[in-house]
Amino acid sequence: MKGKQSTIEVTRDAEGRPRVVSGTAAPILADFLETDLRGDATWTAKVADRLDEAGEGGEPITGNLYALEIRGAQSVLRNIHDAKVPALLLPTKDLAAAVGVWLAALRKPGRKARPQRKE
């Protein structure tokens, strides 16, 4: 994440899909964005809404690899398939900012991959 970890940097791969730039986010956060939120702007917006509410006691948000527990000012990302992977505890506002950047990237049309030139 940039600066005080309040934002991430997103780029696009050759197919135009958003990707977190290496080193701009904790590996677990980058993986959560890319695997659990993926290219689904509707789902990502719902997660963003829950983060904006920052309510405690709600059901965890469970995705493909992670469960997100929003605990007021702090949130926890846990790998649901490997208990040996340490959970990531981070401020909810920072997580909300990262999800917001991801959502903005999803809503912005990506460039299409250039066709391979055949010779």
N, C-alpha and C. Protein backbone atom coordinates (compact mmCIF):
# COMPACT_ATOMS: atom_id res chain seq x y z
N MET A 1 0.83 -1.17 0.00
CA MET A 1 0.00 0.00 0.00
C MET A 1 0.88 1.24 0.00
N LYS A 2 0.35 2.30 -0.51
CA LYS A 2 1.12 3.53 -0.56
C LYS A 2 1.00 4.28 0.75
N GLY A 3 2.02 5.06 1.04
CA GLY A 3 1.98 5.93 2.21
C GLY A 3 1.73 5.17 3.49
N LYS A 4 0.68 5.54 4.19
CA LYS A 4 0.36 4.91 5.46
C LYS A 4 -0.63 3.76 5.26
N GLN A 5 -0.49 3.06 4.15
CA GLN A 5 -1.30 1.90 3.84
C GLN A 5 -2.79 2.22 3.74
N SER A 6 -3.09 3.39 3.21
CA SER A 6 -4.50 3.74 3.07
C SER A 6 -5.00 3.49 1.66
N THR A 7 -4.08 3.33 0.71
CA THR A 7 -4.50 3.03 -0.65
C THR A 7 -3.59 1.97 -1.24
N ILE A 8 -4.06 1.35 -2.30
CA ILE A 8 -3.25 0.39 -3.04
C ILE A 8 -3.08 0.90 -4.44
N GLU A 9 -2.15 0.33 -5.15
CA GLU A 9 -1.98 0.67 -6.56
C GLU A 9 -2.45 -0.52 -7.39
N VAL A 10 -3.28 -0.22 -8.37
CA VAL A 10 -3.84 -1.27 -9.22
C VAL A 10 -3.39 -1.03 -10.65
N THR A 11 -3.02 -2.10 -11.32
CA THR A 11 -2.66 -2.05 -12.73
C THR A 11 -3.52 -3.07 -13.45
N ARG A 12 -3.27 -3.29 -14.72
CA ARG A 12 -4.03 -4.30 -15.48
C ARG A 12 -3.06 -5.28 -16.13
N ASP A 13 -3.49 -6.55 -16.16
CA ASP A 13 -2.67 -7.55 -16.84
C ASP A 13 -2.94 -7.51 -18.34
N ALA A 14 -2.33 -8.41 -19.08
CA ALA A 14 -2.46 -8.42 -20.54
C ALA A 14 -3.90 -8.60 -21.01
N GLU A 15 -4.73 -9.26 -20.20
CA GLU A 15 -6.13 -9.46 -20.55
C GLU A 15 -7.02 -8.31 -20.09
N GLY A 16 -6.43 -7.31 -19.44
CA GLY A 16 -7.20 -6.16 -18.98
C GLY A 16 -7.79 -6.31 -17.59
N ARG A 17 -7.48 -7.40 -16.90
CA ARG A 17 -8.00 -7.62 -15.54
C ARG A 17 -7.19 -6.81 -14.54
N PRO A 18 -7.85 -6.25 -13.53
CA PRO A 18 -7.10 -5.49 -12.52
C PRO A 18 -6.23 -6.41 -11.67
N ARG A 19 -5.06 -5.91 -11.31
CA ARG A 19 -4.11 -6.62 -10.46
C ARG A 19 -3.51 -5.62 -9.47
N VAL A 20 -3.27 -6.09 -8.26
CA VAL A 20 -2.60 -5.25 -7.27
C VAL A 20 -1.12 -5.24 -7.61
N VAL A 21 -0.54 -4.04 -7.67
CA VAL A 21 0.89 -3.92 -7.96
C VAL A 21 1.67 -4.50 -6.79
N SER A 22 2.61 -5.38 -7.11
CA SER A 22 3.43 -6.03 -6.11
C SER A 22 4.04 -5.01 -5.16
N GLY A 23 3.94 -5.28 -3.88
CA GLY A 23 4.54 -4.41 -2.88
C GLY A 23 3.65 -3.27 -2.40
N THR A 24 2.46 -3.10 -2.99
CA THR A 24 1.61 -1.99 -2.56
C THR A 24 0.57 -2.44 -1.54
N ALA A 25 0.53 -3.72 -1.23
CA ALA A 25 -0.43 -4.22 -0.25
C ALA A 25 0.16 -5.46 0.41
N ALA A 26 -0.32 -5.77 1.60
CA ALA A 26 0.07 -7.02 2.24
C ALA A 26 -0.33 -8.15 1.31
N PRO A 27 0.47 -9.21 1.20
CA PRO A 27 0.13 -10.30 0.28
C PRO A 27 -1.27 -10.88 0.49
N ILE A 28 -1.71 -10.98 1.73
CA ILE A 28 -3.05 -11.52 1.98
C ILE A 28 -4.11 -10.56 1.45
N LEU A 29 -3.93 -9.27 1.64
CA LEU A 29 -4.90 -8.30 1.15
C LEU A 29 -4.94 -8.33 -0.38
N ALA A 30 -3.78 -8.36 -1.01
CA ALA A 30 -3.73 -8.42 -2.47
C ALA A 30 -4.43 -9.67 -2.97
N ASP A 31 -4.18 -10.80 -2.32
CA ASP A 31 -4.80 -12.06 -2.71
C ASP A 31 -6.31 -12.01 -2.51
N PHE A 32 -6.76 -11.42 -1.40
CA PHE A 32 -8.20 -11.26 -1.14
C PHE A 32 -8.87 -10.47 -2.26
N LEU A 33 -8.26 -9.35 -2.65
CA LEU A 33 -8.84 -8.53 -3.70
C LEU A 33 -8.91 -9.29 -5.02
N GLU A 34 -7.81 -9.97 -5.35
CA GLU A 34 -7.73 -10.64 -6.64
C GLU A 34 -8.50 -11.95 -6.71
N THR A 35 -8.64 -12.67 -5.60
CA THR A 35 -9.30 -13.98 -5.65
C THR A 35 -10.73 -13.96 -5.12
N ASP A 36 -10.99 -13.22 -4.07
CA ASP A 36 -12.33 -13.24 -3.49
C ASP A 36 -13.23 -12.16 -4.09
N LEU A 37 -12.68 -11.00 -4.39
CA LEU A 37 -13.49 -9.95 -5.00
C LEU A 37 -13.40 -10.01 -6.52
N ARG A 38 -12.28 -10.46 -7.02
CA ARG A 38 -12.03 -10.67 -8.45
C ARG A 38 -12.58 -9.54 -9.31
N GLY A 39 -13.29 -9.89 -10.35
CA GLY A 39 -13.81 -8.90 -11.28
C GLY A 39 -15.27 -8.59 -11.07
N ASP A 40 -15.80 -8.90 -9.91
CA ASP A 40 -17.23 -8.74 -9.64
C ASP A 40 -17.50 -7.41 -8.93
N ALA A 41 -17.86 -6.39 -9.71
CA ALA A 41 -18.09 -5.06 -9.14
C ALA A 41 -19.29 -5.04 -8.20
N THR A 42 -20.32 -5.83 -8.50
CA THR A 42 -21.51 -5.85 -7.64
C THR A 42 -21.17 -6.41 -6.27
N TRP A 43 -20.46 -7.53 -6.24
CA TRP A 43 -20.05 -8.14 -4.97
C TRP A 43 -19.11 -7.20 -4.21
N THR A 44 -18.16 -6.62 -4.93
CA THR A 44 -17.20 -5.71 -4.30
C THR A 44 -17.92 -4.51 -3.69
N ALA A 45 -18.94 -3.99 -4.36
CA ALA A 45 -19.71 -2.87 -3.82
C ALA A 45 -20.43 -3.27 -2.53
N LYS A 46 -20.93 -4.50 -2.46
CA LYS A 46 -21.59 -4.97 -1.24
C LYS A 46 -20.59 -5.08 -0.09
N VAL A 47 -19.39 -5.57 -0.39
CA VAL A 47 -18.34 -5.63 0.64
C VAL A 47 -17.97 -4.23 1.08
N ALA A 48 -17.85 -3.30 0.14
CA ALA A 48 -17.53 -1.91 0.46
C ALA A 48 -18.59 -1.30 1.37
N ASP A 49 -19.87 -1.59 1.09
CA ASP A 49 -20.95 -1.08 1.93
C ASP A 49 -20.83 -1.61 3.35
N ARG A 50 -20.55 -2.89 3.49
CA ARG A 50 -20.38 -3.47 4.84
C ARG A 50 -19.21 -2.83 5.57
N LEU A 51 -18.12 -2.57 4.85
CA LEU A 51 -16.97 -1.93 5.47
C LEU A 51 -17.30 -0.50 5.88
N ASP A 52 -18.07 0.20 5.07
CA ASP A 52 -18.46 1.57 5.41
C ASP A 52 -19.31 1.60 6.68
N GLU A 53 -20.15 0.57 6.85
CA GLU A 53 -20.97 0.48 8.06
C GLU A 53 -20.10 0.15 9.28
N ALA A 54 -19.04 -0.61 9.06
CA ALA A 54 -18.09 -1.00 10.11
C ALA A 54 -18.77 -1.50 11.38
N GLY A 55 -19.88 -2.19 11.21
CA GLY A 55 -20.58 -2.73 12.37
C GLY A 55 -19.91 -3.96 12.93
N GLU A 56 -20.05 -4.14 14.20
CA GLU A 56 -19.50 -5.33 14.85
C GLU A 56 -20.59 -6.39 14.97
N GLY A 57 -20.17 -7.63 15.06
CA GLY A 57 -21.10 -8.71 15.33
C GLY A 57 -21.81 -9.27 14.12
N GLY A 58 -21.57 -8.72 12.95
CA GLY A 58 -22.18 -9.26 11.75
C GLY A 58 -21.51 -10.55 11.33
N GLU A 59 -22.18 -11.28 10.48
CA GLU A 59 -21.60 -12.52 9.96
C GLU A 59 -20.35 -12.19 9.15
N PRO A 60 -19.33 -13.05 9.23
CA PRO A 60 -18.17 -12.83 8.37
C PRO A 60 -18.56 -12.90 6.90
N ILE A 61 -17.85 -12.19 6.09
CA ILE A 61 -18.02 -12.25 4.64
C ILE A 61 -17.07 -13.34 4.16
N THR A 62 -17.62 -14.38 3.60
CA THR A 62 -16.79 -15.51 3.19
C THR A 62 -16.72 -15.58 1.68
N GLY A 63 -15.49 -15.69 1.18
CA GLY A 63 -15.26 -15.78 -0.25
C GLY A 63 -14.63 -17.10 -0.63
N ASN A 64 -13.86 -17.10 -1.69
CA ASN A 64 -13.21 -18.31 -2.18
C ASN A 64 -12.11 -18.81 -1.25
N LEU A 65 -11.32 -17.88 -0.74
CA LEU A 65 -10.17 -18.25 0.10
C LEU A 65 -10.18 -17.62 1.48
N TYR A 66 -10.93 -16.54 1.65
CA TYR A 66 -10.84 -15.78 2.90
C TYR A 66 -12.19 -15.52 3.53
N ALA A 67 -12.15 -15.36 4.85
CA ALA A 67 -13.30 -14.87 5.60
C ALA A 67 -12.89 -13.50 6.14
N LEU A 68 -13.75 -12.52 5.95
CA LEU A 68 -13.50 -11.16 6.42
C LEU A 68 -14.41 -10.91 7.60
N GLU A 69 -13.80 -10.61 8.74
CA GLU A 69 -14.55 -10.26 9.95
C GLU A 69 -14.36 -8.76 10.18
N ILE A 70 -15.46 -8.02 10.18
CA ILE A 70 -15.41 -6.58 10.42
C ILE A 70 -15.73 -6.38 11.89
N ARG A 71 -14.77 -5.83 12.62
CA ARG A 71 -14.90 -5.65 14.07
C ARG A 71 -14.79 -4.18 14.43
N GLY A 72 -15.69 -3.38 13.91
CA GLY A 72 -15.63 -1.96 14.20
C GLY A 72 -14.42 -1.33 13.53
N ALA A 73 -13.52 -0.76 14.31
CA ALA A 73 -12.36 -0.06 13.77
C ALA A 73 -11.29 -1.00 13.21
N GLN A 74 -11.37 -2.29 13.55
CA GLN A 74 -10.40 -3.27 13.07
C GLN A 74 -11.12 -4.35 12.28
N SER A 75 -10.44 -4.88 11.28
CA SER A 75 -10.98 -6.00 10.51
C SER A 75 -9.92 -7.09 10.43
N VAL A 76 -10.39 -8.32 10.21
CA VAL A 76 -9.50 -9.47 10.16
C VAL A 76 -9.79 -10.27 8.89
N LEU A 77 -8.74 -10.58 8.15
CA LEU A 77 -8.84 -11.49 7.00
C LEU A 77 -8.20 -12.80 7.40
N ARG A 78 -8.97 -13.89 7.28
CA ARG A 78 -8.47 -15.23 7.62
C ARG A 78 -8.57 -16.14 6.41
N ASN A 79 -7.53 -16.92 6.19
CA ASN A 79 -7.56 -17.93 5.15
C ASN A 79 -8.45 -19.07 5.65
N ILE A 80 -9.47 -19.43 4.89
CA ILE A 80 -10.42 -20.45 5.35
C ILE A 80 -9.99 -21.86 4.99
N HIS A 81 -8.90 -21.99 4.24
CA HIS A 81 -8.43 -23.31 3.82
C HIS A 81 -7.15 -23.74 4.50
N ASP A 82 -6.42 -22.80 5.10
CA ASP A 82 -5.14 -23.13 5.72
C ASP A 82 -4.99 -22.36 7.03
N ALA A 83 -5.24 -23.06 8.12
CA ALA A 83 -5.17 -22.44 9.45
C ALA A 83 -3.76 -22.00 9.82
N LYS A 84 -2.76 -22.48 9.11
CA LYS A 84 -1.37 -22.11 9.40
C LYS A 84 -1.01 -20.73 8.87
N VAL A 85 -1.81 -20.24 7.94
CA VAL A 85 -1.57 -18.89 7.40
C VAL A 85 -2.03 -17.88 8.43
N PRO A 86 -1.13 -17.01 8.90
CA PRO A 86 -1.54 -16.02 9.90
C PRO A 86 -2.61 -15.08 9.37
N ALA A 87 -3.55 -14.75 10.21
CA ALA A 87 -4.61 -13.80 9.85
C ALA A 87 -3.99 -12.41 9.71
N LEU A 88 -4.63 -11.58 8.92
CA LEU A 88 -4.21 -10.19 8.75
C LEU A 88 -5.19 -9.29 9.49
N LEU A 89 -4.69 -8.57 10.47
CA LEU A 89 -5.48 -7.60 11.23
C LEU A 89 -5.10 -6.22 10.70
N LEU A 90 -6.11 -5.45 10.28
CA LEU A 90 -5.81 -4.12 9.77
C LEU A 90 -6.98 -3.18 10.07
N PRO A 91 -6.71 -1.87 10.10
CA PRO A 91 -7.78 -0.92 10.35
C PRO A 91 -8.86 -1.02 9.27
N THR A 92 -10.10 -1.01 9.70
CA THR A 92 -11.22 -1.11 8.76
C THR A 92 -11.19 0.01 7.75
N LYS A 93 -10.80 1.21 8.16
CA LYS A 93 -10.76 2.34 7.21
C LYS A 93 -9.72 2.08 6.12
N ASP A 94 -8.60 1.45 6.44
CA ASP A 94 -7.59 1.14 5.44
C ASP A 94 -8.09 0.05 4.49
N LEU A 95 -8.76 -0.94 5.04
CA LEU A 95 -9.33 -1.99 4.20
C LEU A 95 -10.41 -1.42 3.30
N ALA A 96 -11.25 -0.55 3.84
CA ALA A 96 -12.30 0.09 3.04
C ALA A 96 -11.69 0.91 1.91
N ALA A 97 -10.60 1.60 2.18
CA ALA A 97 -9.94 2.39 1.13
C ALA A 97 -9.40 1.48 0.03
N ALA A 98 -8.79 0.35 0.42
CA ALA A 98 -8.26 -0.59 -0.57
C ALA A 98 -9.38 -1.19 -1.42
N VAL A 99 -10.48 -1.56 -0.78
CA VAL A 99 -11.61 -2.11 -1.52
C VAL A 99 -12.20 -1.04 -2.44
N GLY A 100 -12.20 0.21 -1.99
CA GLY A 100 -12.69 1.30 -2.83
C GLY A 100 -11.84 1.50 -4.07
N VAL A 101 -10.52 1.41 -3.93
CA VAL A 101 -9.63 1.52 -5.08
C VAL A 101 -9.86 0.35 -6.03
N TRP A 102 -10.02 -0.85 -5.47
CA TRP A 102 -10.29 -2.03 -6.28
C TRP A 102 -11.62 -1.87 -7.04
N LEU A 103 -12.65 -1.39 -6.35
CA LEU A 103 -13.95 -1.19 -6.98
C LEU A 103 -13.86 -0.17 -8.11
N ALA A 104 -13.14 0.91 -7.90
CA ALA A 104 -12.97 1.91 -8.94
C ALA A 104 -12.28 1.30 -10.17
N ALA A 105 -11.31 0.44 -9.94
CA ALA A 105 -10.62 -0.23 -11.05
C ALA A 105 -11.58 -1.16 -11.79
N LEU A 106 -12.45 -1.83 -11.05
CA LEU A 106 -13.41 -2.73 -11.69
C LEU A 106 -14.42 -1.97 -12.53
N ARG A 107 -14.79 -0.80 -12.08
CA ARG A 107 -15.79 0.00 -12.80
C ARG A 107 -15.21 0.73 -14.01
N LYS A 108 -13.89 0.86 -14.05
CA LYS A 108 -13.23 1.52 -15.17
C LYS A 108 -12.94 0.45 -16.22
N PRO A 109 -13.39 0.68 -17.43
CA PRO A 109 -13.15 -0.34 -18.45
C PRO A 109 -11.67 -0.61 -18.64
N GLY A 110 -11.32 -1.87 -18.70
CA GLY A 110 -9.93 -2.26 -18.92
C GLY A 110 -9.62 -2.32 -20.39
N ARG A 111 -8.36 -2.22 -20.68
CA ARG A 111 -7.97 -2.34 -22.08
C ARG A 111 -8.02 -3.80 -22.48
N LYS A 112 -8.36 -4.04 -23.69
CA LYS A 112 -8.42 -5.40 -24.19
C LYS A 112 -7.03 -5.84 -24.60
N ALA A 113 -6.79 -7.12 -24.48
CA ALA A 113 -5.50 -7.66 -24.88
C ALA A 113 -5.31 -7.47 -26.39
N ARG A 114 -4.11 -7.12 -26.76
CA ARG A 114 -3.82 -6.98 -28.18
C ARG A 114 -3.69 -8.36 -28.80
N PRO A 115 -4.24 -8.54 -29.99
CA PRO A 115 -4.07 -9.84 -30.62
C PRO A 115 -2.61 -10.09 -30.96
N GLN A 116 -2.21 -11.33 -30.84
CA GLN A 116 -0.83 -11.71 -31.19
C GLN A 116 -0.66 -11.58 -32.69
N ARG A 117 0.42 -10.99 -33.07
CA ARG A 117 0.70 -10.83 -34.50
C ARG A 117 1.31 -12.12 -35.03
N LYS A 118 0.69 -12.67 -36.06
CA LYS A 118 1.20 -13.90 -36.66
C LYS A 118 2.02 -13.56 -37.89
N GLU A 119 3.15 -14.19 -37.95
CA GLU A 119 4.02 -13.94 -39.12
C GLU A 119 4.17 -15.19 -39.91
